[in-house]
Amino acid sequence: MNEAAKAAGRDPLEFRLDTQISRLSDSNEIEGSPRLRKVMEMAAERAGWGRALAEGHAHGVFDRYRVVRMNEMPEVEAIIVFSGDAHGAVGEPATPPIAGAVAGALLALTGIAPRSLPLV
């Protein structure tokens, strides 16, 4: 999605919200997932999406990150989004989307989309 957004000259978050969240149904009415939209908007807000970043920085890149020990672990804030929809799962594993997030950040920084693992 980041590559498609870049090719379209669009912000990746706004591109996702426009193309994945809202879509036309068979009857040409806009449908989508208000819950997913709210989750994406809250995550973007918490991550500071849209604020200027220092040169050479992008959201999601930890090139010098040292894995912390348990006694060094910072406070982690879990946010449960209430949408009014039927209850779903809370706290799915965050590991699967990490590769995509890092690949998107590398694309933002270098202009090159990684195509294989390991990413760096």
PDB file of N, CA and C in Angstrom:
ATOM      1  N   MET A   1       0.819  -1.188   0.000  1.00  0.00           N
ATOM      2  CA  MET A   1       0.000   0.000   0.000  1.00  0.00           C
ATOM      3  C   MET A   1       0.867   1.257   0.000  1.00  0.00           C
ATOM      4  N   ASN A   2       2.008   1.196   0.713  1.00  0.00           N
ATOM      5  CA  ASN A   2       2.880   2.373   0.732  1.00  0.00           C
ATOM      6  C   ASN A   2       3.397   2.690  -0.671  1.00  0.00           C
ATOM      7  N   GLU A   3       3.715   1.641  -1.437  1.00  0.00           N
ATOM      8  CA  GLU A   3       4.193   1.865  -2.802  1.00  0.00           C
ATOM      9  C   GLU A   3       3.101   2.474  -3.673  1.00  0.00           C
ATOM     10  N   ALA A   4       1.878   1.976  -3.525  1.00  0.00           N
ATOM     11  CA  ALA A   4       0.760   2.517  -4.302  1.00  0.00           C
ATOM     12  C   ALA A   4       0.499   3.972  -3.909  1.00  0.00           C
ATOM     13  N   ALA A   5       0.580   4.263  -2.612  1.00  0.00           N
ATOM     14  CA  ALA A   5       0.389   5.638  -2.153  1.00  0.00           C
ATOM     15  C   ALA A   5       1.476   6.548  -2.718  1.00  0.00           C
ATOM     16  N   LYS A   6       2.703   6.064  -2.699  1.00  0.00           N
ATOM     17  CA  LYS A   6       3.814   6.871  -3.220  1.00  0.00           C
ATOM     18  C   LYS A   6       3.627   7.130  -4.713  1.00  0.00           C
ATOM     19  N   ALA A   7       3.232   6.089  -5.459  1.00  0.00           N
ATOM     20  CA  ALA A   7       3.021   6.242  -6.899  1.00  0.00           C
ATOM     21  C   ALA A   7       1.892   7.236  -7.183  1.00  0.00           C
ATOM     22  N   ALA A   8       0.912   7.283  -6.292  1.00  0.00           N
ATOM     23  CA  ALA A   8      -0.216   8.206  -6.453  1.00  0.00           C
ATOM     24  C   ALA A   8       0.078   9.585  -5.886  1.00  0.00           C
ATOM     25  N   GLY A   9       1.258   9.747  -5.266  1.00  0.00           N
ATOM     26  CA  GLY A   9       1.606  11.031  -4.661  1.00  0.00           C
ATOM     27  C   GLY A   9       0.751  11.356  -3.452  1.00  0.00           C
ATOM     28  N   ARG A  10       0.365  10.312  -2.699  1.00  0.00           N
ATOM     29  CA  ARG A  10      -0.552  10.479  -1.572  1.00  0.00           C
ATOM     30  C   ARG A  10       0.116  10.084  -0.262  1.00  0.00           C
ATOM     31  N   ASP A  11      -0.380  10.627   0.827  1.00  0.00           N
ATOM     32  CA  ASP A  11       0.029  10.222   2.161  1.00  0.00           C
ATOM     33  C   ASP A  11      -0.427   8.777   2.377  1.00  0.00           C
ATOM     34  N   PRO A  12       0.445   7.884   2.873  1.00  0.00           N
ATOM     35  CA  PRO A  12       0.065   6.477   3.033  1.00  0.00           C
ATOM     36  C   PRO A  12      -1.160   6.251   3.925  1.00  0.00           C
ATOM     37  N   LEU A  13      -1.289   7.009   4.990  1.00  0.00           N
ATOM     38  CA  LEU A  13      -2.446   6.834   5.869  1.00  0.00           C
ATOM     39  C   LEU A  13      -3.728   7.243   5.147  1.00  0.00           C
ATOM     40  N   GLU A  14      -3.729   8.423   4.565  1.00  0.00           N
ATOM     41  CA  GLU A  14      -4.922   8.889   3.857  1.00  0.00           C
ATOM     42  C   GLU A  14      -5.270   7.964   2.698  1.00  0.00           C
ATOM     43  N   PHE A  15      -4.252   7.458   2.010  1.00  0.00           N
ATOM     44  CA  PHE A  15      -4.485   6.528   0.902  1.00  0.00           C
ATOM     45  C   PHE A  15      -5.177   5.263   1.403  1.00  0.00           C
ATOM     46  N   ARG A  16      -4.692   4.730   2.529  1.00  0.00           N
ATOM     47  CA  ARG A  16      -5.332   3.542   3.105  1.00  0.00           C
ATOM     48  C   ARG A  16      -6.773   3.822   3.510  1.00  0.00           C
ATOM     49  N   LEU A  17      -6.972   4.944   4.176  1.00  0.00           N
ATOM     50  CA  LEU A  17      -8.325   5.274   4.617  1.00  0.00           C
ATOM     51  C   LEU A  17      -9.269   5.419   3.421  1.00  0.00           C
ATOM     52  N   ASP A  18      -8.792   6.003   2.341  1.00  0.00           N
ATOM     53  CA  ASP A  18      -9.634   6.205   1.161  1.00  0.00           C
ATOM     54  C   ASP A  18      -9.864   4.926   0.360  1.00  0.00           C
ATOM     55  N   THR A  19      -8.848   4.070   0.266  1.00  0.00           N
ATOM     56  CA  THR A  19      -8.957   2.914  -0.624  1.00  0.00           C
ATOM     57  C   THR A  19      -9.342   1.616   0.080  1.00  0.00           C
ATOM     58  N   GLN A  20      -8.957   1.449   1.318  1.00  0.00           N
ATOM     59  CA  GLN A  20      -9.248   0.203   1.999  1.00  0.00           C
ATOM     60  C   GLN A  20     -10.442   0.304   2.924  1.00  0.00           C
ATOM     61  N   ILE A  21     -10.630   1.430   3.523  1.00  0.00           N
ATOM     62  CA  ILE A  21     -11.695   1.577   4.501  1.00  0.00           C
ATOM     63  C   ILE A  21     -13.009   1.909   3.804  1.00  0.00           C
ATOM     64  N   SER A  22     -12.993   2.853   2.911  1.00  0.00           N
ATOM     65  CA  SER A  22     -14.200   3.237   2.191  1.00  0.00           C
ATOM     66  C   SER A  22     -14.118   2.669   0.780  1.00  0.00           C
ATOM     67  N   ARG A  23     -15.149   1.993   0.381  1.00  0.00           N
ATOM     68  CA  ARG A  23     -15.186   1.428  -0.963  1.00  0.00           C
ATOM     69  C   ARG A  23     -16.643   1.429  -1.420  1.00  0.00           C
ATOM     70  N   LEU A  24     -16.849   1.275  -2.713  1.00  0.00           N
ATOM     71  CA  LEU A  24     -18.211   1.247  -3.227  1.00  0.00           C
ATOM     72  C   LEU A  24     -18.761  -0.173  -3.160  1.00  0.00           C
ATOM     73  N   SER A  25     -19.990  -0.313  -2.705  1.00  0.00           N
ATOM     74  CA  SER A  25     -20.656  -1.606  -2.697  1.00  0.00           C
ATOM     75  C   SER A  25     -21.231  -1.862  -4.089  1.00  0.00           C
ATOM     76  N   ASP A  26     -21.854  -3.005  -4.275  1.00  0.00           N
ATOM     77  CA  ASP A  26     -22.458  -3.337  -5.566  1.00  0.00           C
ATOM     78  C   ASP A  26     -23.517  -2.321  -5.970  1.00  0.00           C
ATOM     79  N   SER A  27     -24.152  -1.680  -4.996  1.00  0.00           N
ATOM     80  CA  SER A  27     -25.180  -0.691  -5.298  1.00  0.00           C
ATOM     81  C   SER A  27     -24.604   0.730  -5.340  1.00  0.00           C
ATOM     82  N   ASN A  28     -23.266   0.843  -5.453  1.00  0.00           N
ATOM     83  CA  ASN A  28     -22.565   2.120  -5.529  1.00  0.00           C
ATOM     84  C   ASN A  28     -22.743   2.989  -4.295  1.00  0.00           C
ATOM     85  N   GLU A  29     -22.981   2.375  -3.151  1.00  0.00           N
ATOM     86  CA  GLU A  29     -23.025   3.104  -1.892  1.00  0.00           C
ATOM     87  C   GLU A  29     -21.702   2.874  -1.179  1.00  0.00           C
ATOM     88  N   ILE A  30     -21.229   3.911  -0.500  1.00  0.00           N
ATOM     89  CA  ILE A  30     -19.959   3.780   0.214  1.00  0.00           C
ATOM     90  C   ILE A  30     -20.179   2.919   1.442  1.00  0.00           C
ATOM     91  N   GLU A  31     -19.320   1.924   1.585  1.00  0.00           N
ATOM     92  CA  GLU A  31     -19.359   1.077   2.771  1.00  0.00           C
ATOM     93  C   GLU A  31     -17.937   0.971   3.292  1.00  0.00           C
ATOM     94  N   GLY A  32     -17.793   0.430   4.458  1.00  0.00           N
ATOM     95  CA  GLY A  32     -16.459   0.279   5.017  1.00  0.00           C
ATOM     96  C   GLY A  32     -16.544  -0.163   6.448  1.00  0.00           C
ATOM     97  N   SER A  33     -15.446  -0.044   7.136  1.00  0.00           N
ATOM     98  CA  SER A  33     -15.373  -0.473   8.520  1.00  0.00           C
ATOM     99  C   SER A  33     -15.089   0.730   9.402  1.00  0.00           C
ATOM    100  N   PRO A  34     -16.125   1.268  10.053  1.00  0.00           N
ATOM    101  CA  PRO A  34     -15.884   2.390  10.969  1.00  0.00           C
ATOM    102  C   PRO A  34     -14.908   2.019  12.081  1.00  0.00           C
ATOM    103  N   ARG A  35     -14.937   0.755  12.524  1.00  0.00           N
ATOM    104  CA  ARG A  35     -14.035   0.333  13.594  1.00  0.00           C
ATOM    105  C   ARG A  35     -12.590   0.369  13.120  1.00  0.00           C
ATOM    106  N   LEU A  36     -12.322  -0.167  11.934  1.00  0.00           N
ATOM    107  CA  LEU A  36     -10.953  -0.150  11.408  1.00  0.00           C
ATOM    108  C   LEU A  36     -10.492   1.283  11.181  1.00  0.00           C
ATOM    109  N   ARG A  37     -11.362   2.125  10.652  1.00  0.00           N
ATOM    110  CA  ARG A  37     -11.006   3.538  10.457  1.00  0.00           C
ATOM    111  C   ARG A  37     -10.608   4.179  11.781  1.00  0.00           C
ATOM    112  N   LYS A  38     -11.407   3.933  12.827  1.00  0.00           N
ATOM    113  CA  LYS A  38     -11.134   4.538  14.127  1.00  0.00           C
ATOM    114  C   LYS A  38      -9.802   4.031  14.689  1.00  0.00           C
ATOM    115  N   VAL A  39      -9.533   2.743  14.535  1.00  0.00           N
ATOM    116  CA  VAL A  39      -8.259   2.174  15.006  1.00  0.00           C
ATOM    117  C   VAL A  39      -7.091   2.828  14.278  1.00  0.00           C
ATOM    118  N   MET A  40      -7.199   2.932  12.955  1.00  0.00           N
ATOM    119  CA  MET A  40      -6.103   3.541  12.187  1.00  0.00           C
ATOM    120  C   MET A  40      -5.905   5.003  12.559  1.00  0.00           C
ATOM    121  N   GLU A  41      -7.001   5.735  12.735  1.00  0.00           N
ATOM    122  CA  GLU A  41      -6.882   7.147  13.095  1.00  0.00           C
ATOM    123  C   GLU A  41      -6.290   7.321  14.490  1.00  0.00           C
ATOM    124  N   MET A  42      -6.692   6.471  15.440  1.00  0.00           N
ATOM    125  CA  MET A  42      -6.136   6.577  16.796  1.00  0.00           C
ATOM    126  C   MET A  42      -4.659   6.203  16.818  1.00  0.00           C
ATOM    127  N   ALA A  43      -4.286   5.152  16.084  1.00  0.00           N
ATOM    128  CA  ALA A  43      -2.878   4.752  16.025  1.00  0.00           C
ATOM    129  C   ALA A  43      -2.039   5.866  15.394  1.00  0.00           C
ATOM    130  N   ALA A  44      -2.555   6.472  14.333  1.00  0.00           N
ATOM    131  CA  ALA A  44      -1.829   7.564  13.680  1.00  0.00           C
ATOM    132  C   ALA A  44      -1.654   8.749  14.618  1.00  0.00           C
ATOM    133  N   GLU A  45      -2.703   9.054  15.364  1.00  0.00           N
ATOM    134  CA  GLU A  45      -2.623  10.159  16.325  1.00  0.00           C
ATOM    135  C   GLU A  45      -1.576   9.878  17.391  1.00  0.00           C
ATOM    136  N   ARG A  46      -1.599   8.659  17.940  1.00  0.00           N
ATOM    137  CA  ARG A  46      -0.631   8.301  18.995  1.00  0.00           C
ATOM    138  C   ARG A  46       0.800   8.277  18.482  1.00  0.00           C
ATOM    139  N   ALA A  47       0.966   7.926  17.202  1.00  0.00           N
ATOM    140  CA  ALA A  47       2.308   7.859  16.612  1.00  0.00           C
ATOM    141  C   ALA A  47       2.803   9.218  16.135  1.00  0.00           C
ATOM    142  N   GLY A  48       1.937  10.217  16.191  1.00  0.00           N
ATOM    143  CA  GLY A  48       2.345  11.540  15.726  1.00  0.00           C
ATOM    144  C   GLY A  48       2.361  11.651  14.213  1.00  0.00           C
ATOM    145  N   TRP A  49       1.527  10.854  13.540  1.00  0.00           N
ATOM    146  CA  TRP A  49       1.498  10.876  12.076  1.00  0.00           C
ATOM    147  C   TRP A  49       1.172  12.273  11.583  1.00  0.00           C
ATOM    148  N   GLY A  50       1.904  12.734  10.587  1.00  0.00           N
ATOM    149  CA  GLY A  50       1.663  14.055  10.019  1.00  0.00           C
ATOM    150  C   GLY A  50       2.569  15.136  10.581  1.00  0.00           C
ATOM    151  N   ARG A  51       3.172  14.879  11.731  1.00  0.00           N
ATOM    152  CA  ARG A  51       4.119  15.857  12.277  1.00  0.00           C
ATOM    153  C   ARG A  51       5.448  15.692  11.560  1.00  0.00           C
ATOM    154  N   ALA A  52       6.149  16.777  11.420  1.00  0.00           N
ATOM    155  CA  ALA A  52       7.452  16.741  10.757  1.00  0.00           C
ATOM    156  C   ALA A  52       8.423  15.891  11.569  1.00  0.00           C
ATOM    157  N   LEU A  53       9.190  15.088  10.864  1.00  0.00           N
ATOM    158  CA  LEU A  53      10.213  14.255  11.502  1.00  0.00           C
ATOM    159  C   LEU A  53      11.593  14.802  11.158  1.00  0.00           C
ATOM    160  N   ALA A  54      12.551  14.504  12.003  1.00  0.00           N
ATOM    161  CA  ALA A  54      13.927  14.926  11.750  1.00  0.00           C
ATOM    162  C   ALA A  54      14.447  14.268  10.476  1.00  0.00           C
ATOM    163  N   GLU A  55      15.381  14.912   9.830  1.00  0.00           N
ATOM    164  CA  GLU A  55      16.002  14.377   8.625  1.00  0.00           C
ATOM    165  C   GLU A  55      16.515  12.969   8.885  1.00  0.00           C
ATOM    166  N   GLY A  56      16.232  12.045   7.981  1.00  0.00           N
ATOM    167  CA  GLY A  56      16.697  10.671   8.117  1.00  0.00           C
ATOM    168  C   GLY A  56      15.840   9.813   9.023  1.00  0.00           C
ATOM    169  N   HIS A  57      14.713  10.336   9.484  1.00  0.00           N
ATOM    170  CA  HIS A  57      13.814   9.580  10.348  1.00  0.00           C
ATOM    171  C   HIS A  57      12.513   9.277   9.614  1.00  0.00           C
ATOM    172  N   ALA A  58      11.907   8.153   9.973  1.00  0.00           N
ATOM    173  CA  ALA A  58      10.590   7.792   9.444  1.00  0.00           C
ATOM    174  C   ALA A  58       9.871   7.008  10.524  1.00  0.00           C
ATOM    175  N   HIS A  59       8.573   7.003  10.463  1.00  0.00           N
ATOM    176  CA  HIS A  59       7.814   6.210  11.427  1.00  0.00           C
ATOM    177  C   HIS A  59       8.149   4.743  11.219  1.00  0.00           C
ATOM    178  N   GLY A  60       8.470   4.041  12.288  1.00  0.00           N
ATOM    179  CA  GLY A  60       8.633   2.595  12.229  1.00  0.00           C
ATOM    180  C   GLY A  60      10.027   2.080  11.994  1.00  0.00           C
ATOM    181  N   VAL A  61      11.055   2.907  11.919  1.00  0.00           N
ATOM    182  CA  VAL A  61      12.430   2.418  11.678  1.00  0.00           C
ATOM    183  C   VAL A  61      13.229   2.475  12.967  1.00  0.00           C
ATOM    184  N   PHE A  62      13.792   1.350  13.324  1.00  0.00           N
ATOM    185  CA  PHE A  62      14.595   1.246  14.542  1.00  0.00           C
ATOM    186  C   PHE A  62      15.953   0.675  14.175  1.00  0.00           C
ATOM    187  N   ASP A  63      16.738   1.418  13.402  1.00  0.00           N
ATOM    188  CA  ASP A  63      17.991   0.870  12.891  1.00  0.00           C
ATOM    189  C   ASP A  63      19.066   0.696  13.954  1.00  0.00           C
ATOM    190  N   ARG A  64      18.954   1.390  15.064  1.00  0.00           N
ATOM    191  CA  ARG A  64      19.949   1.252  16.129  1.00  0.00           C
ATOM    192  C   ARG A  64      19.301   0.791  17.422  1.00  0.00           C
ATOM    193  N   TYR A  65      18.162   0.149  17.301  1.00  0.00           N
ATOM    194  CA  TYR A  65      17.397  -0.262  18.472  1.00  0.00           C
ATOM    195  C   TYR A  65      18.014  -1.488  19.124  1.00  0.00           C
ATOM    196  N   ARG A  66      18.340  -1.362  20.397  1.00  0.00           N
ATOM    197  CA  ARG A  66      18.854  -2.486  21.176  1.00  0.00           C
ATOM    198  C   ARG A  66      17.665  -3.087  21.915  1.00  0.00           C
ATOM    199  N   VAL A  67      17.473  -4.390  21.782  1.00  0.00           N
ATOM    200  CA  VAL A  67      16.358  -5.046  22.462  1.00  0.00           C
ATOM    201  C   VAL A  67      16.532  -4.860  23.966  1.00  0.00           C
ATOM    202  N   VAL A  68      15.473  -4.412  24.622  1.00  0.00           N
ATOM    203  CA  VAL A  68      15.569  -4.126  26.049  1.00  0.00           C
ATOM    204  C   VAL A  68      15.375  -5.392  26.871  1.00  0.00           C
ATOM    205  N   ARG A  69      15.922  -5.353  28.054  1.00  0.00           N
ATOM    206  CA  ARG A  69      15.690  -6.428  29.026  1.00  0.00           C
ATOM    207  C   ARG A  69      14.401  -6.112  29.762  1.00  0.00           C
ATOM    208  N   MET A  70      13.837  -7.117  30.409  1.00  0.00           N
ATOM    209  CA  MET A  70      12.554  -6.927  31.082  1.00  0.00           C
ATOM    210  C   MET A  70      12.603  -5.784  32.093  1.00  0.00           C
ATOM    211  N   ASN A  71      13.714  -5.665  32.807  1.00  0.00           N
ATOM    212  CA  ASN A  71      13.783  -4.601  33.809  1.00  0.00           C
ATOM    213  C   ASN A  71      13.980  -3.215  33.187  1.00  0.00           C
ATOM    214  N   GLU A  72      14.225  -3.148  31.887  1.00  0.00           N
ATOM    215  CA  GLU A  72      14.389  -1.877  31.187  1.00  0.00           C
ATOM    216  C   GLU A  72      13.146  -1.491  30.373  1.00  0.00           C
ATOM    217  N   MET A  73      12.169  -2.371  30.364  1.00  0.00           N
ATOM    218  CA  MET A  73      10.982  -2.182  29.539  1.00  0.00           C
ATOM    219  C   MET A  73      10.236  -0.903  29.929  1.00  0.00           C
ATOM    220  N   PRO A  74       9.987  -0.042  28.946  1.00  0.00           N
ATOM    221  CA  PRO A  74       9.217   1.169  29.251  1.00  0.00           C
ATOM    222  C   PRO A  74       7.741   0.827  29.430  1.00  0.00           C
ATOM    223  N   GLU A  75       7.005   1.779  29.940  1.00  0.00           N
ATOM    224  CA  GLU A  75       5.569   1.588  30.082  1.00  0.00           C
ATOM    225  C   GLU A  75       4.945   1.485  28.691  1.00  0.00           C
ATOM    226  N   VAL A  76       4.056   0.532  28.520  1.00  0.00           N
ATOM    227  CA  VAL A  76       3.356   0.339  27.256  1.00  0.00           C
ATOM    228  C   VAL A  76       1.888   0.643  27.480  1.00  0.00           C
ATOM    229  N   GLU A  77       1.330   1.477  26.622  1.00  0.00           N
ATOM    230  CA  GLU A  77      -0.071   1.848  26.745  1.00  0.00           C
ATOM    231  C   GLU A  77      -0.889   1.057  25.735  1.00  0.00           C
ATOM    232  N   ALA A  78      -1.845   0.291  26.212  1.00  0.00           N
ATOM    233  CA  ALA A  78      -2.768  -0.430  25.341  1.00  0.00           C
ATOM    234  C   ALA A  78      -4.051   0.375  25.255  1.00  0.00           C
ATOM    235  N   ILE A  79      -4.494   0.599  24.046  1.00  0.00           N
ATOM    236  CA  ILE A  79      -5.707   1.391  23.833  1.00  0.00           C
ATOM    237  C   ILE A  79      -6.753   0.488  23.209  1.00  0.00           C
ATOM    238  N   ILE A  80      -7.874   0.350  23.875  1.00  0.00           N
ATOM    239  CA  ILE A  80      -8.982  -0.441  23.347  1.00  0.00           C
ATOM    240  C   ILE A  80      -9.974   0.530  22.734  1.00  0.00           C
ATOM    241  N   VAL A  81     -10.263   0.324  21.467  1.00  0.00           N
ATOM    242  CA  VAL A  81     -11.135   1.232  20.734  1.00  0.00           C
ATOM    243  C   VAL A  81     -12.570   0.731  20.815  1.00  0.00           C
ATOM    244  N   PHE A  82     -13.435   1.531  21.369  1.00  0.00           N
ATOM    245  CA  PHE A  82     -14.850   1.203  21.453  1.00  0.00           C
ATOM    246  C   PHE A  82     -15.538   1.790  20.232  1.00  0.00           C
ATOM    247  N   SER A  83     -16.241   0.943  19.497  1.00  0.00           N
ATOM    248  CA  SER A  83     -16.848   1.407  18.250  1.00  0.00           C
ATOM    249  C   SER A  83     -18.357   1.244  18.211  1.00  0.00           C
ATOM    250  N   GLY A  84     -18.919   0.497  19.122  1.00  0.00           N
ATOM    251  CA  GLY A  84     -20.339   0.220  19.058  1.00  0.00           C
ATOM    252  C   GLY A  84     -20.654  -1.017  18.244  1.00  0.00           C
ATOM    253  N   ASP A  85     -19.665  -1.559  17.548  1.00  0.00           N
ATOM    254  CA  ASP A  85     -19.856  -2.789  16.789  1.00  0.00           C
ATOM    255  C   ASP A  85     -19.854  -3.986  17.729  1.00  0.00           C
ATOM    256  N   ALA A  86     -20.159  -5.154  17.192  1.00  0.00           N
ATOM    257  CA  ALA A  86     -20.089  -6.379  17.974  1.00  0.00           C
ATOM    258  C   ALA A  86     -18.659  -6.557  18.472  1.00  0.00           C
ATOM    259  N   HIS A  87     -18.519  -7.149  19.640  1.00  0.00           N
ATOM    260  CA  HIS A  87     -17.189  -7.338  20.219  1.00  0.00           C
ATOM    261  C   HIS A  87     -16.345  -8.254  19.345  1.00  0.00           C
ATOM    262  N   GLY A  88     -15.081  -7.947  19.296  1.00  0.00           N
ATOM    263  CA  GLY A  88     -14.116  -8.771  18.575  1.00  0.00           C
ATOM    264  C   GLY A  88     -12.950  -9.044  19.493  1.00  0.00           C
ATOM    265  N   ALA A  89     -11.898  -9.525  18.916  1.00  0.00           N
ATOM    266  CA  ALA A  89     -10.714  -9.852  19.708  1.00  0.00           C
ATOM    267  C   ALA A  89      -9.999  -8.573  20.134  1.00  0.00           C
ATOM    268  N   VAL A  90      -9.310  -8.631  21.231  1.00  0.00           N
ATOM    269  CA  VAL A  90      -8.514  -7.508  21.727  1.00  0.00           C
ATOM    270  C   VAL A  90      -7.091  -8.015  21.916  1.00  0.00           C
ATOM    271  N   GLY A  91      -6.143  -7.306  21.376  1.00  0.00           N
ATOM    272  CA  GLY A  91      -4.742  -7.635  21.638  1.00  0.00           C
ATOM    273  C   GLY A  91      -4.154  -8.697  20.740  1.00  0.00           C
ATOM    274  N   GLU A  92      -4.543  -8.709  19.470  1.00  0.00           N
ATOM    275  CA  GLU A  92      -3.928  -9.663  18.559  1.00  0.00           C
ATOM    276  C   GLU A  92      -2.423  -9.417  18.535  1.00  0.00           C
ATOM    277  N   PRO A  93      -1.649 -10.456  18.211  1.00  0.00           N
ATOM    278  CA  PRO A  93      -0.194 -10.281  18.185  1.00  0.00           C
ATOM    279  C   PRO A  93       0.231  -9.178  17.224  1.00  0.00           C
ATOM    280  N   ALA A  94       1.181  -8.398  17.663  1.00  0.00           N
ATOM    281  CA  ALA A  94       1.656  -7.277  16.847  1.00  0.00           C
ATOM    282  C   ALA A  94       2.815  -7.670  15.946  1.00  0.00           C
ATOM    283  N   THR A  95       3.327  -8.874  16.072  1.00  0.00           N
ATOM    284  CA  THR A  95       4.500  -9.273  15.297  1.00  0.00           C
ATOM    285  C   THR A  95       4.270  -9.310  13.793  1.00  0.00           C
ATOM    286  N   PRO A  96       3.165  -9.878  13.275  1.00  0.00           N
ATOM    287  CA  PRO A  96       3.024  -9.974  11.814  1.00  0.00           C
ATOM    288  C   PRO A  96       3.136  -8.660  11.056  1.00  0.00           C
ATOM    289  N   PRO A  97       2.565  -7.546  11.531  1.00  0.00           N
ATOM    290  CA  PRO A  97       2.676  -6.326  10.719  1.00  0.00           C
ATOM    291  C   PRO A  97       4.001  -5.582  10.837  1.00  0.00           C
ATOM    292  N   ILE A  98       4.911  -6.055  11.669  1.00  0.00           N
ATOM    293  CA  ILE A  98       6.170  -5.329  11.860  1.00  0.00           C
ATOM    294  C   ILE A  98       6.963  -5.236  10.561  1.00  0.00           C
ATOM    295  N   ALA A  99       7.064  -6.338   9.810  1.00  0.00           N
ATOM    296  CA  ALA A  99       7.846  -6.308   8.563  1.00  0.00           C
ATOM    297  C   ALA A  99       7.289  -5.277   7.596  1.00  0.00           C
ATOM    298  N   GLY A 100       5.968  -5.213   7.479  1.00  0.00           N
ATOM    299  CA  GLY A 100       5.364  -4.224   6.586  1.00  0.00           C
ATOM    300  C   GLY A 100       5.613  -2.800   7.043  1.00  0.00           C
ATOM    301  N   ALA A 101       5.569  -2.578   8.352  1.00  0.00           N
ATOM    302  CA  ALA A 101       5.816  -1.241   8.891  1.00  0.00           C
ATOM    303  C   ALA A 101       7.256  -0.808   8.631  1.00  0.00           C
ATOM    304  N   VAL A 102       8.187  -1.709   8.850  1.00  0.00           N
ATOM    305  CA  VAL A 102       9.601  -1.378   8.610  1.00  0.00           C
ATOM    306  C   VAL A 102       9.850  -1.194   7.119  1.00  0.00           C
ATOM    307  N   ALA A 103       9.251  -2.059   6.286  1.00  0.00           N
ATOM    308  CA  ALA A 103       9.413  -1.912   4.834  1.00  0.00           C
ATOM    309  C   ALA A 103       8.864  -0.571   4.364  1.00  0.00           C
ATOM    310  N   GLY A 104       7.721  -0.156   4.912  1.00  0.00           N
ATOM    311  CA  GLY A 104       7.153   1.140   4.549  1.00  0.00           C
ATOM    312  C   GLY A 104       8.046   2.291   4.969  1.00  0.00           C
ATOM    313  N   ALA A 105       8.645   2.179   6.136  1.00  0.00           N
ATOM    314  CA  ALA A 105       9.549   3.223   6.606  1.00  0.00           C
ATOM    315  C   ALA A 105      10.801   3.276   5.738  1.00  0.00           C
ATOM    316  N   LEU A 106      11.321   2.109   5.358  1.00  0.00           N
ATOM    317  CA  LEU A 106      12.488   2.098   4.472  1.00  0.00           C
ATOM    318  C   LEU A 106      12.158   2.718   3.120  1.00  0.00           C
ATOM    319  N   LEU A 107      10.971   2.447   2.604  1.00  0.00           N
ATOM    320  CA  LEU A 107      10.533   3.072   1.352  1.00  0.00           C
ATOM    321  C   LEU A 107      10.484   4.587   1.512  1.00  0.00           C
ATOM    322  N   ALA A 108       9.937   5.055   2.631  1.00  0.00           N
ATOM    323  CA  ALA A 108       9.844   6.493   2.872  1.00  0.00           C
ATOM    324  C   ALA A 108      11.219   7.140   2.958  1.00  0.00           C
ATOM    325  N   LEU A 109      12.171   6.455   3.555  1.00  0.00           N
ATOM    326  CA  LEU A 109      13.508   7.028   3.742  1.00  0.00           C
ATOM    327  C   LEU A 109      14.392   6.938   2.510  1.00  0.00           C
ATOM    328  N   THR A 110      14.312   5.796   1.799  1.00  0.00           N
ATOM    329  CA  THR A 110      15.255   5.545   0.709  1.00  0.00           C
ATOM    330  C   THR A 110      14.646   5.619  -0.677  1.00  0.00           C
ATOM    331  N   GLY A 111      13.310   5.521  -0.748  1.00  0.00           N
ATOM    332  CA  GLY A 111      12.656   5.476  -2.053  1.00  0.00           C
ATOM    333  C   GLY A 111      12.707   4.093  -2.684  1.00  0.00           C
ATOM    334  N   ILE A 112      13.283   3.133  -1.974  1.00  0.00           N
ATOM    335  CA  ILE A 112      13.403   1.758  -2.481  1.00  0.00           C
ATOM    336  C   ILE A 112      12.523   0.850  -1.638  1.00  0.00           C
ATOM    337  N   ALA A 113      11.683   0.063  -2.301  1.00  0.00           N
ATOM    338  CA  ALA A 113      10.804  -0.862  -1.608  1.00  0.00           C
ATOM    339  C   ALA A 113      11.498  -2.211  -1.432  1.00  0.00           C
ATOM    340  N   PRO A 114      11.724  -2.641  -0.194  1.00  0.00           N
ATOM    341  CA  PRO A 114      12.346  -3.949   0.021  1.00  0.00           C
ATOM    342  C   PRO A 114      11.466  -5.058  -0.538  1.00  0.00           C
ATOM    343  N   ARG A 115      12.084  -6.069  -1.123  1.00  0.00           N
ATOM    344  CA  ARG A 115      11.340  -7.168  -1.725  1.00  0.00           C
ATOM    345  C   ARG A 115      11.640  -8.523  -1.122  1.00  0.00           C
ATOM    346  N   SER A 116      12.572  -8.580  -0.156  1.00  0.00           N
ATOM    347  CA  SER A 116      12.915  -9.874   0.430  1.00  0.00           C
ATOM    348  C   SER A 116      13.366  -9.659   1.874  1.00  0.00           C
ATOM    349  N   LEU A 117      13.397 -10.740   2.602  1.00  0.00           N
ATOM    350  CA  LEU A 117      13.881 -10.718   3.996  1.00  0.00           C
ATOM    351  C   LEU A 117      15.288 -11.260   4.040  1.00  0.00           C
ATOM    352  N   PRO A 118      16.127 -10.864   4.937  1.00  0.00           N
ATOM    353  CA  PRO A 118      15.907  -9.805   5.920  1.00  0.00           C
ATOM    354  C   PRO A 118      15.862  -8.441   5.249  1.00  0.00           C
ATOM    355  N   LEU A 119      15.194  -7.497   5.903  1.00  0.00           N
ATOM    356  CA  LEU A 119      14.999  -6.173   5.316  1.00  0.00           C
ATOM    357  C   LEU A 119      16.256  -5.332   5.308  1.00  0.00           C
ATOM    358  N   VAL A 120      17.142  -5.560   6.262  1.00  0.00           N
ATOM    359  CA  VAL A 120      18.359  -4.746   6.330  1.00  0.00           C
ATOM    360  C   VAL A 120      19.583  -5.611   6.269  1.00  0.00           C
TER     361      VAL A 120
END
